[in-house]
mmCIF file of all heavy atoms, coordinates in Angstrom:
data_MODEL
# 
_entry.id   MODEL 
# 
loop_
_atom_site.group_PDB 
_atom_site.id 
_atom_site.type_symbol 
_atom_site.label_atom_id 
_atom_site.label_alt_id 
_atom_site.label_comp_id 
_atom_site.label_asym_id 
_atom_site.label_entity_id 
_atom_site.label_seq_id 
_atom_site.pdbx_PDB_ins_code 
_atom_site.Cartn_x 
_atom_site.Cartn_y 
_atom_site.Cartn_z 
_atom_site.occupancy 
_atom_site.B_iso_or_equiv 
_atom_site.pdbx_formal_charge 
_atom_site.auth_seq_id 
_atom_site.auth_comp_id 
_atom_site.auth_asym_id 
_atom_site.auth_atom_id 
_atom_site.pdbx_PDB_model_num 
ATOM 1   N N   . PHE A 1 1  ? 1.236  8.622  23.458 1.00 0.00 ? 1  PHE A N   1 
ATOM 2   C CA  . PHE A 1 1  ? 0.525  8.736  22.189 1.00 0.00 ? 1  PHE A CA  1 
ATOM 3   C C   . PHE A 1 1  ? 1.488  9.101  21.051 1.00 0.00 ? 1  PHE A C   1 
ATOM 4   O O   . PHE A 1 1  ? 1.497  8.472  19.989 1.00 0.00 ? 1  PHE A O   1 
ATOM 5   C CB  . PHE A 1 1  ? -0.572 9.782  22.336 1.00 0.00 ? 1  PHE A CB  1 
ATOM 6   C CG  . PHE A 1 1  ? -1.393 10.018 21.103 1.00 0.00 ? 1  PHE A CG  1 
ATOM 7   C CD1 . PHE A 1 1  ? -1.982 8.970  20.410 1.00 0.00 ? 1  PHE A CD1 1 
ATOM 8   C CD2 . PHE A 1 1  ? -1.584 11.316 20.626 1.00 0.00 ? 1  PHE A CD2 1 
ATOM 9   C CE1 . PHE A 1 1  ? -2.756 9.198  19.273 1.00 0.00 ? 1  PHE A CE1 1 
ATOM 10  C CE2 . PHE A 1 1  ? -2.354 11.549 19.502 1.00 0.00 ? 1  PHE A CE2 1 
ATOM 11  C CZ  . PHE A 1 1  ? -2.934 10.492 18.819 1.00 0.00 ? 1  PHE A CZ  1 
ATOM 12  N N   . LEU A 1 2  ? 2.326  10.105 21.297 1.00 0.00 ? 2  LEU A N   1 
ATOM 13  C CA  . LEU A 1 2  ? 3.290  10.513 20.278 1.00 0.00 ? 2  LEU A CA  1 
ATOM 14  C C   . LEU A 1 2  ? 4.268  9.386  19.958 1.00 0.00 ? 2  LEU A C   1 
ATOM 15  O O   . LEU A 1 2  ? 4.600  9.149  18.788 1.00 0.00 ? 2  LEU A O   1 
ATOM 16  C CB  . LEU A 1 2  ? 4.070  11.744 20.754 1.00 0.00 ? 2  LEU A CB  1 
ATOM 17  C CG  . LEU A 1 2  ? 3.316  13.067 20.866 1.00 0.00 ? 2  LEU A CG  1 
ATOM 18  C CD1 . LEU A 1 2  ? 4.261  14.167 21.340 1.00 0.00 ? 2  LEU A CD1 1 
ATOM 19  C CD2 . LEU A 1 2  ? 2.685  13.455 19.548 1.00 0.00 ? 2  LEU A CD2 1 
ATOM 20  N N   . SER A 1 3  ? 4.729  8.701  20.982 1.00 0.00 ? 3  SER A N   1 
ATOM 21  C CA  . SER A 1 3  ? 5.714  7.630  20.785 1.00 0.00 ? 3  SER A CA  1 
ATOM 22  C C   . SER A 1 3  ? 5.174  6.547  19.868 1.00 0.00 ? 3  SER A C   1 
ATOM 23  O O   . SER A 1 3  ? 5.897  6.011  19.017 1.00 0.00 ? 3  SER A O   1 
ATOM 24  C CB  . SER A 1 3  ? 6.125  7.027  22.128 1.00 0.00 ? 3  SER A CB  1 
ATOM 25  O OG  . SER A 1 3  ? 6.716  8.000  22.967 1.00 0.00 ? 3  SER A OG  1 
ATOM 26  N N   . LEU A 1 4  ? 3.898  6.205  20.028 1.00 0.00 ? 4  LEU A N   1 
ATOM 27  C CA  . LEU A 1 4  ? 3.288  5.189  19.184 1.00 0.00 ? 4  LEU A CA  1 
ATOM 28  C C   . LEU A 1 4  ? 3.230  5.659  17.736 1.00 0.00 ? 4  LEU A C   1 
ATOM 29  O O   . LEU A 1 4  ? 3.443  4.875  16.807 1.00 0.00 ? 4  LEU A O   1 
ATOM 30  C CB  . LEU A 1 4  ? 1.883  4.868  19.698 1.00 0.00 ? 4  LEU A CB  1 
ATOM 31  C CG  . LEU A 1 4  ? 1.114  3.742  18.992 1.00 0.00 ? 4  LEU A CG  1 
ATOM 32  C CD1 . LEU A 1 4  ? 1.908  2.446  18.989 1.00 0.00 ? 4  LEU A CD1 1 
ATOM 33  C CD2 . LEU A 1 4  ? -0.239 3.532  19.669 1.00 0.00 ? 4  LEU A CD2 1 
ATOM 34  N N   . LEU A 1 5  ? 2.965  6.937  17.524 1.00 0.00 ? 5  LEU A N   1 
ATOM 35  C CA  . LEU A 1 5  ? 2.853  7.470  16.164 1.00 0.00 ? 5  LEU A CA  1 
ATOM 36  C C   . LEU A 1 5  ? 4.206  7.608  15.477 1.00 0.00 ? 5  LEU A C   1 
ATOM 37  O O   . LEU A 1 5  ? 4.342  7.280  14.293 1.00 0.00 ? 5  LEU A O   1 
ATOM 38  C CB  . LEU A 1 5  ? 2.163  8.833  16.193 1.00 0.00 ? 5  LEU A CB  1 
ATOM 39  C CG  . LEU A 1 5  ? 0.671  8.852  16.514 1.00 0.00 ? 5  LEU A CG  1 
ATOM 40  C CD1 . LEU A 1 5  ? 0.198  10.288 16.737 1.00 0.00 ? 5  LEU A CD1 1 
ATOM 41  C CD2 . LEU A 1 5  ? -0.139 8.200  15.393 1.00 0.00 ? 5  LEU A CD2 1 
ATOM 42  N N   . VAL A 1 6  ? 5.208  8.096  16.201 1.00 0.00 ? 6  VAL A N   1 
ATOM 43  C CA  . VAL A 1 6  ? 6.485  8.417  15.561 1.00 0.00 ? 6  VAL A CA  1 
ATOM 44  C C   . VAL A 1 6  ? 7.468  7.264  15.571 1.00 0.00 ? 6  VAL A C   1 
ATOM 45  O O   . VAL A 1 6  ? 8.485  7.302  14.873 1.00 0.00 ? 6  VAL A O   1 
ATOM 46  C CB  . VAL A 1 6  ? 7.137  9.654  16.215 1.00 0.00 ? 6  VAL A CB  1 
ATOM 47  C CG1 . VAL A 1 6  ? 6.196  10.845 16.153 1.00 0.00 ? 6  VAL A CG1 1 
ATOM 48  C CG2 . VAL A 1 6  ? 7.566  9.371  17.654 1.00 0.00 ? 6  VAL A CG2 1 
ATOM 49  N N   . GLY A 1 7  ? 7.205  6.222  16.364 1.00 0.00 ? 7  GLY A N   1 
ATOM 50  C CA  . GLY A 1 7  ? 8.053  5.031  16.310 1.00 0.00 ? 7  GLY A CA  1 
ATOM 51  C C   . GLY A 1 7  ? 9.283  5.070  17.176 1.00 0.00 ? 7  GLY A C   1 
ATOM 52  O O   . GLY A 1 7  ? 10.175 4.231  17.025 1.00 0.00 ? 7  GLY A O   1 
ATOM 53  N N   . TRP A 1 8  ? 9.370  6.013  18.084 1.00 0.00 ? 8  TRP A N   1 
ATOM 54  C CA  . TRP A 1 8  ? 10.463 6.026  19.061 1.00 0.00 ? 8  TRP A CA  1 
ATOM 55  C C   . TRP A 1 8  ? 9.957  6.665  20.344 1.00 0.00 ? 8  TRP A C   1 
ATOM 56  O O   . TRP A 1 8  ? 8.943  7.348  20.350 1.00 0.00 ? 8  TRP A O   1 
ATOM 57  C CB  . TRP A 1 8  ? 11.694 6.746  18.521 1.00 0.00 ? 8  TRP A CB  1 
ATOM 58  C CG  . TRP A 1 8  ? 11.504 8.169  18.078 1.00 0.00 ? 8  TRP A CG  1 
ATOM 59  C CD1 . TRP A 1 8  ? 11.055 8.606  16.875 1.00 0.00 ? 8  TRP A CD1 1 
ATOM 60  C CD2 . TRP A 1 8  ? 11.796 9.356  18.836 1.00 0.00 ? 8  TRP A CD2 1 
ATOM 61  N NE1 . TRP A 1 8  ? 11.019 9.971  16.823 1.00 0.00 ? 8  TRP A NE1 1 
ATOM 62  C CE2 . TRP A 1 8  ? 11.485 10.468 18.007 1.00 0.00 ? 8  TRP A CE2 1 
ATOM 63  C CE3 . TRP A 1 8  ? 12.283 9.592  20.125 1.00 0.00 ? 8  TRP A CE3 1 
ATOM 64  C CZ2 . TRP A 1 8  ? 11.643 11.776 18.433 1.00 0.00 ? 8  TRP A CZ2 1 
ATOM 65  C CZ3 . TRP A 1 8  ? 12.450 10.901 20.551 1.00 0.00 ? 8  TRP A CZ3 1 
ATOM 66  C CH2 . TRP A 1 8  ? 12.134 11.977 19.703 1.00 0.00 ? 8  TRP A CH2 1 
ATOM 67  N N   . GLU A 1 9  ? 10.652 6.399  21.452 1.00 0.00 ? 9  GLU A N   1 
ATOM 68  C CA  . GLU A 1 9  ? 10.176 6.864  22.751 1.00 0.00 ? 9  GLU A CA  1 
ATOM 69  C C   . GLU A 1 9  ? 10.415 8.357  22.909 1.00 0.00 ? 9  GLU A C   1 
ATOM 70  O O   . GLU A 1 9  ? 11.555 8.830  22.912 1.00 0.00 ? 9  GLU A O   1 
ATOM 71  C CB  . GLU A 1 9  ? 10.870 6.104  23.888 1.00 0.00 ? 9  GLU A CB  1 
ATOM 72  C CG  . GLU A 1 9  ? 10.280 6.429  25.252 1.00 0.00 ? 9  GLU A CG  1 
ATOM 73  C CD  . GLU A 1 9  ? 10.858 5.549  26.348 1.00 0.00 ? 9  GLU A CD  1 
ATOM 74  O OE1 . GLU A 1 9  ? 11.542 4.560  26.013 1.00 0.00 ? 9  GLU A OE1 1 
ATOM 75  O OE2 . GLU A 1 9  ? 10.629 5.866  27.530 1.00 0.00 ? 9  GLU A OE2 1 
ATOM 76  N N   . VAL A 1 10 ? 9.327  9.089  23.033 1.00 0.00 ? 10 VAL A N   1 
ATOM 77  C CA  . VAL A 1 10 ? 9.400  10.547 23.135 1.00 0.00 ? 10 VAL A CA  1 
ATOM 78  C C   . VAL A 1 10 ? 9.268  10.953 24.604 1.00 0.00 ? 10 VAL A C   1 
ATOM 79  O O   . VAL A 1 10 ? 8.264  10.644 25.243 1.00 0.00 ? 10 VAL A O   1 
ATOM 80  C CB  . VAL A 1 10 ? 8.270  11.207 22.309 1.00 0.00 ? 10 VAL A CB  1 
ATOM 81  C CG1 . VAL A 1 10 ? 8.369  12.728 22.408 1.00 0.00 ? 10 VAL A CG1 1 
ATOM 82  C CG2 . VAL A 1 10 ? 8.333  10.749 20.861 1.00 0.00 ? 10 VAL A CG2 1 
ATOM 83  N N   . PRO A 1 11 ? 10.253 11.643 25.165 1.00 0.00 ? 11 PRO A N   1 
ATOM 84  C CA  . PRO A 1 11 ? 10.142 12.087 26.555 1.00 0.00 ? 11 PRO A CA  1 
ATOM 85  C C   . PRO A 1 11 ? 9.343  13.388 26.654 1.00 0.00 ? 11 PRO A C   1 
ATOM 86  O O   . PRO A 1 11 ? 9.155  14.098 25.663 1.00 0.00 ? 11 PRO A O   1 
ATOM 87  C CB  . PRO A 1 11 ? 11.598 12.323 26.956 1.00 0.00 ? 11 PRO A CB  1 
ATOM 88  C CG  . PRO A 1 11 ? 12.243 12.760 25.668 1.00 0.00 ? 11 PRO A CG  1 
ATOM 89  C CD  . PRO A 1 11 ? 11.550 11.983 24.566 1.00 0.00 ? 11 PRO A CD  1 
ATOM 90  N N   . VAL A 1 12 ? 8.884  13.685 27.855 1.00 0.00 ? 12 VAL A N   1 
ATOM 91  C CA  . VAL A 1 12 ? 8.222  14.971 28.101 1.00 0.00 ? 12 VAL A CA  1 
ATOM 92  C C   . VAL A 1 12 ? 9.319  16.031 28.193 1.00 0.00 ? 12 VAL A C   1 
ATOM 93  O O   . VAL A 1 12 ? 10.179 15.956 29.061 1.00 0.00 ? 12 VAL A O   1 
ATOM 94  C CB  . VAL A 1 12 ? 7.406  14.936 29.408 1.00 0.00 ? 12 VAL A CB  1 
ATOM 95  C CG1 . VAL A 1 12 ? 6.726  16.277 29.632 1.00 0.00 ? 12 VAL A CG1 1 
ATOM 96  C CG2 . VAL A 1 12 ? 6.384  13.820 29.378 1.00 0.00 ? 12 VAL A CG2 1 
ATOM 97  N N   . PRO A 1 13 ? 9.328  17.018 27.309 1.00 0.00 ? 13 PRO A N   1 
ATOM 98  C CA  . PRO A 1 13 ? 10.436 17.995 27.293 1.00 0.00 ? 13 PRO A CA  1 
ATOM 99  C C   . PRO A 1 13 ? 10.377 18.967 28.462 1.00 0.00 ? 13 PRO A C   1 
ATOM 100 O O   . PRO A 1 13 ? 9.408  19.707 28.618 1.00 0.00 ? 13 PRO A O   1 
ATOM 101 C CB  . PRO A 1 13 ? 10.216 18.737 25.958 1.00 0.00 ? 13 PRO A CB  1 
ATOM 102 C CG  . PRO A 1 13 ? 8.759  18.611 25.695 1.00 0.00 ? 13 PRO A CG  1 
ATOM 103 C CD  . PRO A 1 13 ? 8.333  17.283 26.258 1.00 0.00 ? 13 PRO A CD  1 
ATOM 104 N N   . GLY A 1 14 ? 11.379 18.944 29.289 1.00 0.00 ? 14 GLY A N   1 
ATOM 105 C CA  . GLY A 1 14 ? 11.440 19.886 30.401 1.00 0.00 ? 14 GLY A CA  1 
ATOM 106 C C   . GLY A 1 14 ? 10.302 19.753 31.380 1.00 0.00 ? 14 GLY A C   1 
ATOM 107 O O   . GLY A 1 14 ? 9.979  20.703 32.099 1.00 0.00 ? 14 GLY A O   1 
ATOM 108 N N   . GLY A 1 15 ? 9.664  18.590 31.395 1.00 0.00 ? 15 GLY A N   1 
ATOM 109 C CA  . GLY A 1 15 ? 8.572  18.349 32.331 1.00 0.00 ? 15 GLY A CA  1 
ATOM 110 C C   . GLY A 1 15 ? 7.241  18.928 31.920 1.00 0.00 ? 15 GLY A C   1 
ATOM 111 O O   . GLY A 1 15 ? 6.264  18.823 32.653 1.00 0.00 ? 15 GLY A O   1 
ATOM 112 N N   . LYS A 1 16 ? 7.163  19.531 30.720 1.00 0.00 ? 16 LYS A N   1 
ATOM 113 C CA  . LYS A 1 16 ? 5.912  20.161 30.320 1.00 0.00 ? 16 LYS A CA  1 
ATOM 114 C C   . LYS A 1 16 ? 5.848  20.298 28.812 1.00 0.00 ? 16 LYS A C   1 
ATOM 115 O O   . LYS A 1 16 ? 6.802  20.717 28.164 1.00 0.00 ? 16 LYS A O   1 
ATOM 116 C CB  . LYS A 1 16 ? 5.797  21.549 30.974 1.00 0.00 ? 16 LYS A CB  1 
ATOM 117 C CG  . LYS A 1 16 ? 4.509  22.278 30.672 1.00 0.00 ? 16 LYS A CG  1 
ATOM 118 C CD  . LYS A 1 16 ? 4.473  23.621 31.371 1.00 0.00 ? 16 LYS A CD  1 
ATOM 119 C CE  . LYS A 1 16 ? 3.181  24.370 31.081 1.00 0.00 ? 16 LYS A CE  1 
ATOM 120 N NZ  . LYS A 1 16 ? 3.152  25.701 31.751 1.00 0.00 ? 16 LYS A NZ  1 
ATOM 121 N N   . TRP A 1 17 ? 4.694  19.946 28.230 1.00 0.00 ? 17 TRP A N   1 
ATOM 122 C CA  . TRP A 1 17 ? 4.475  20.135 26.800 1.00 0.00 ? 17 TRP A CA  1 
ATOM 123 C C   . TRP A 1 17 ? 4.038  21.563 26.512 1.00 0.00 ? 17 TRP A C   1 
ATOM 124 O O   . TRP A 1 17 ? 3.296  22.165 27.282 1.00 0.00 ? 17 TRP A O   1 
ATOM 125 C CB  . TRP A 1 17 ? 3.389  19.175 26.291 1.00 0.00 ? 17 TRP A CB  1 
ATOM 126 C CG  . TRP A 1 17 ? 3.795  17.736 26.298 1.00 0.00 ? 17 TRP A CG  1 
ATOM 127 C CD1 . TRP A 1 17 ? 3.388  16.776 27.176 1.00 0.00 ? 17 TRP A CD1 1 
ATOM 128 C CD2 . TRP A 1 17 ? 4.690  17.106 25.387 1.00 0.00 ? 17 TRP A CD2 1 
ATOM 129 N NE1 . TRP A 1 17 ? 3.977  15.576 26.880 1.00 0.00 ? 17 TRP A NE1 1 
ATOM 130 C CE2 . TRP A 1 17 ? 4.783  15.748 25.774 1.00 0.00 ? 17 TRP A CE2 1 
ATOM 131 C CE3 . TRP A 1 17 ? 5.419  17.544 24.291 1.00 0.00 ? 17 TRP A CE3 1 
ATOM 132 C CZ2 . TRP A 1 17 ? 5.587  14.827 25.100 1.00 0.00 ? 17 TRP A CZ2 1 
ATOM 133 C CZ3 . TRP A 1 17 ? 6.217  16.635 23.614 1.00 0.00 ? 17 TRP A CZ3 1 
ATOM 134 C CH2 . TRP A 1 17 ? 6.295  15.297 24.015 1.00 0.00 ? 17 TRP A CH2 1 
ATOM 135 N N   . LYS A 1 18 ? 4.506  22.069 25.394 1.00 0.00 ? 18 LYS A N   1 
ATOM 136 C CA  . LYS A 1 18 ? 4.072  23.386 24.937 1.00 0.00 ? 18 LYS A CA  1 
ATOM 137 C C   . LYS A 1 18 ? 2.779  23.243 24.138 1.00 0.00 ? 18 LYS A C   1 
ATOM 138 O O   . LYS A 1 18 ? 2.363  22.157 23.770 1.00 0.00 ? 18 LYS A O   1 
ATOM 139 C CB  . LYS A 1 18 ? 5.156  24.032 24.065 1.00 0.00 ? 18 LYS A CB  1 
ATOM 140 C CG  . LYS A 1 18 ? 6.499  24.168 24.760 1.00 0.00 ? 18 LYS A CG  1 
ATOM 141 C CD  . LYS A 1 18 ? 6.428  25.090 25.955 1.00 0.00 ? 18 LYS A CD  1 
ATOM 142 C CE  . LYS A 1 18 ? 7.809  25.293 26.585 1.00 0.00 ? 18 LYS A CE  1 
ATOM 143 N NZ  . LYS A 1 18 ? 7.741  26.162 27.781 1.00 0.00 ? 18 LYS A NZ  1 
ATOM 144 N N   . LYS A 1 19 ? 2.158  24.380 23.827 1.00 0.00 ? 19 LYS A N   1 
ATOM 145 C CA  . LYS A 1 19 ? 0.892  24.384 23.092 1.00 0.00 ? 19 LYS A CA  1 
ATOM 146 C C   . LYS A 1 19 ? 1.072  24.066 21.612 1.00 0.00 ? 19 LYS A C   1 
ATOM 147 O O   . LYS A 1 19 ? 0.088  23.906 20.892 1.00 0.00 ? 19 LYS A O   1 
ATOM 148 C CB  . LYS A 1 19 ? 0.192  25.726 23.250 1.00 0.00 ? 19 LYS A CB  1 
ATOM 149 C CG  . LYS A 1 19 ? -0.286 25.994 24.673 1.00 0.00 ? 19 LYS A CG  1 
ATOM 150 C CD  . LYS A 1 19 ? -0.993 27.325 24.772 1.00 0.00 ? 19 LYS A CD  1 
ATOM 151 C CE  . LYS A 1 19 ? -1.464 27.583 26.198 1.00 0.00 ? 19 LYS A CE  1 
ATOM 152 N NZ  . LYS A 1 19 ? -2.142 28.904 26.319 1.00 0.00 ? 19 LYS A NZ  1 
ATOM 153 N N   . SER A 1 20 ? 2.301  23.989 21.161 1.00 0.00 ? 20 SER A N   1 
ATOM 154 C CA  . SER A 1 20 ? 2.566  23.586 19.778 1.00 0.00 ? 20 SER A CA  1 
ATOM 155 C C   . SER A 1 20 ? 3.916  22.896 19.741 1.00 0.00 ? 20 SER A C   1 
ATOM 156 O O   . SER A 1 20 ? 4.759  23.107 20.623 1.00 0.00 ? 20 SER A O   1 
ATOM 157 C CB  . SER A 1 20 ? 2.552  24.800 18.840 1.00 0.00 ? 20 SER A CB  1 
ATOM 158 O OG  . SER A 1 20 ? 3.555  25.729 19.209 1.00 0.00 ? 20 SER A OG  1 
ATOM 159 N N   . GLY A 1 21 ? 4.111  22.059 18.736 1.00 0.00 ? 21 GLY A N   1 
ATOM 160 C CA  . GLY A 1 21 ? 5.385  21.360 18.635 1.00 0.00 ? 21 GLY A CA  1 
ATOM 161 C C   . GLY A 1 21 ? 5.450  20.450 17.436 1.00 0.00 ? 21 GLY A C   1 
ATOM 162 O O   . GLY A 1 21 ? 4.453  20.226 16.736 1.00 0.00 ? 21 GLY A O   1 
ATOM 163 N N   . LEU A 1 22 ? 6.642  19.929 17.170 1.00 0.00 ? 22 LEU A N   1 
ATOM 164 C CA  . LEU A 1 22 ? 6.904  19.006 16.067 1.00 0.00 ? 22 LEU A CA  1 
ATOM 165 C C   . LEU A 1 22 ? 7.766  17.861 16.569 1.00 0.00 ? 22 LEU A C   1 
ATOM 166 O O   . LEU A 1 22 ? 8.667  18.069 17.385 1.00 0.00 ? 22 LEU A O   1 
ATOM 167 C CB  . LEU A 1 22 ? 7.663  19.710 14.935 1.00 0.00 ? 22 LEU A CB  1 
ATOM 168 C CG  . LEU A 1 22 ? 6.896  20.560 13.933 1.00 0.00 ? 22 LEU A CG  1 
ATOM 169 C CD1 . LEU A 1 22 ? 7.877  21.385 13.111 1.00 0.00 ? 22 LEU A CD1 1 
ATOM 170 C CD2 . LEU A 1 22 ? 6.065  19.681 13.015 1.00 0.00 ? 22 LEU A CD2 1 
ATOM 171 N N   . VAL A 1 23 ? 7.485  16.657 16.089 1.00 0.00 ? 23 VAL A N   1 
ATOM 172 C CA  . VAL A 1 23 ? 8.327  15.498 16.374 1.00 0.00 ? 23 VAL A CA  1 
ATOM 173 C C   . VAL A 1 23 ? 8.528  14.742 15.071 1.00 0.00 ? 23 VAL A C   1 
ATOM 174 O O   . VAL A 1 23 ? 7.554  14.396 14.395 1.00 0.00 ? 23 VAL A O   1 
ATOM 175 C CB  . VAL A 1 23 ? 7.703  14.564 17.429 1.00 0.00 ? 23 VAL A CB  1 
ATOM 176 C CG1 . VAL A 1 23 ? 8.637  13.385 17.695 1.00 0.00 ? 23 VAL A CG1 1 
ATOM 177 C CG2 . VAL A 1 23 ? 7.409  15.309 18.720 1.00 0.00 ? 23 VAL A CG2 1 
ATOM 178 N N   . THR A 1 24 ? 9.765  14.485 14.696 1.00 0.00 ? 24 THR A N   1 
ATOM 179 C CA  . THR A 1 24 ? 10.037 13.755 13.464 1.00 0.00 ? 24 THR A CA  1 
ATOM 180 C C   . THR A 1 24 ? 9.878  12.258 13.692 1.00 0.00 ? 24 THR A C   1 
ATOM 181 O O   . THR A 1 24 ? 10.146 11.751 14.794 1.00 0.00 ? 24 THR A O   1 
ATOM 182 C CB  . THR A 1 24 ? 11.453 14.072 12.948 1.00 0.00 ? 24 THR A CB  1 
ATOM 183 O OG1 . THR A 1 24 ? 11.631 13.487 11.662 1.00 0.00 ? 24 THR A OG1 1 
ATOM 184 C CG2 . THR A 1 24 ? 12.520 13.535 13.890 1.00 0.00 ? 24 THR A CG2 1 
ATOM 185 N N   . GLY A 1 25 ? 9.402  11.569 12.669 1.00 0.00 ? 25 GLY A N   1 
ATOM 186 C CA  . GLY A 1 25 ? 9.119  10.150 12.804 1.00 0.00 ? 25 GLY A CA  1 
ATOM 187 C C   . GLY A 1 25 ? 10.254 9.250  12.368 1.00 0.00 ? 25 GLY A C   1 
ATOM 188 O O   . GLY A 1 25 ? 11.094 9.634  11.537 1.00 0.00 ? 25 GLY A O   1 
# 
């Protein structure tokens, strides 16, 4: 979902998403 929004392939960080975060597009 994030990858589609931000325009690049976003990996799962450390095998787990945190309850908050930022990704630049």
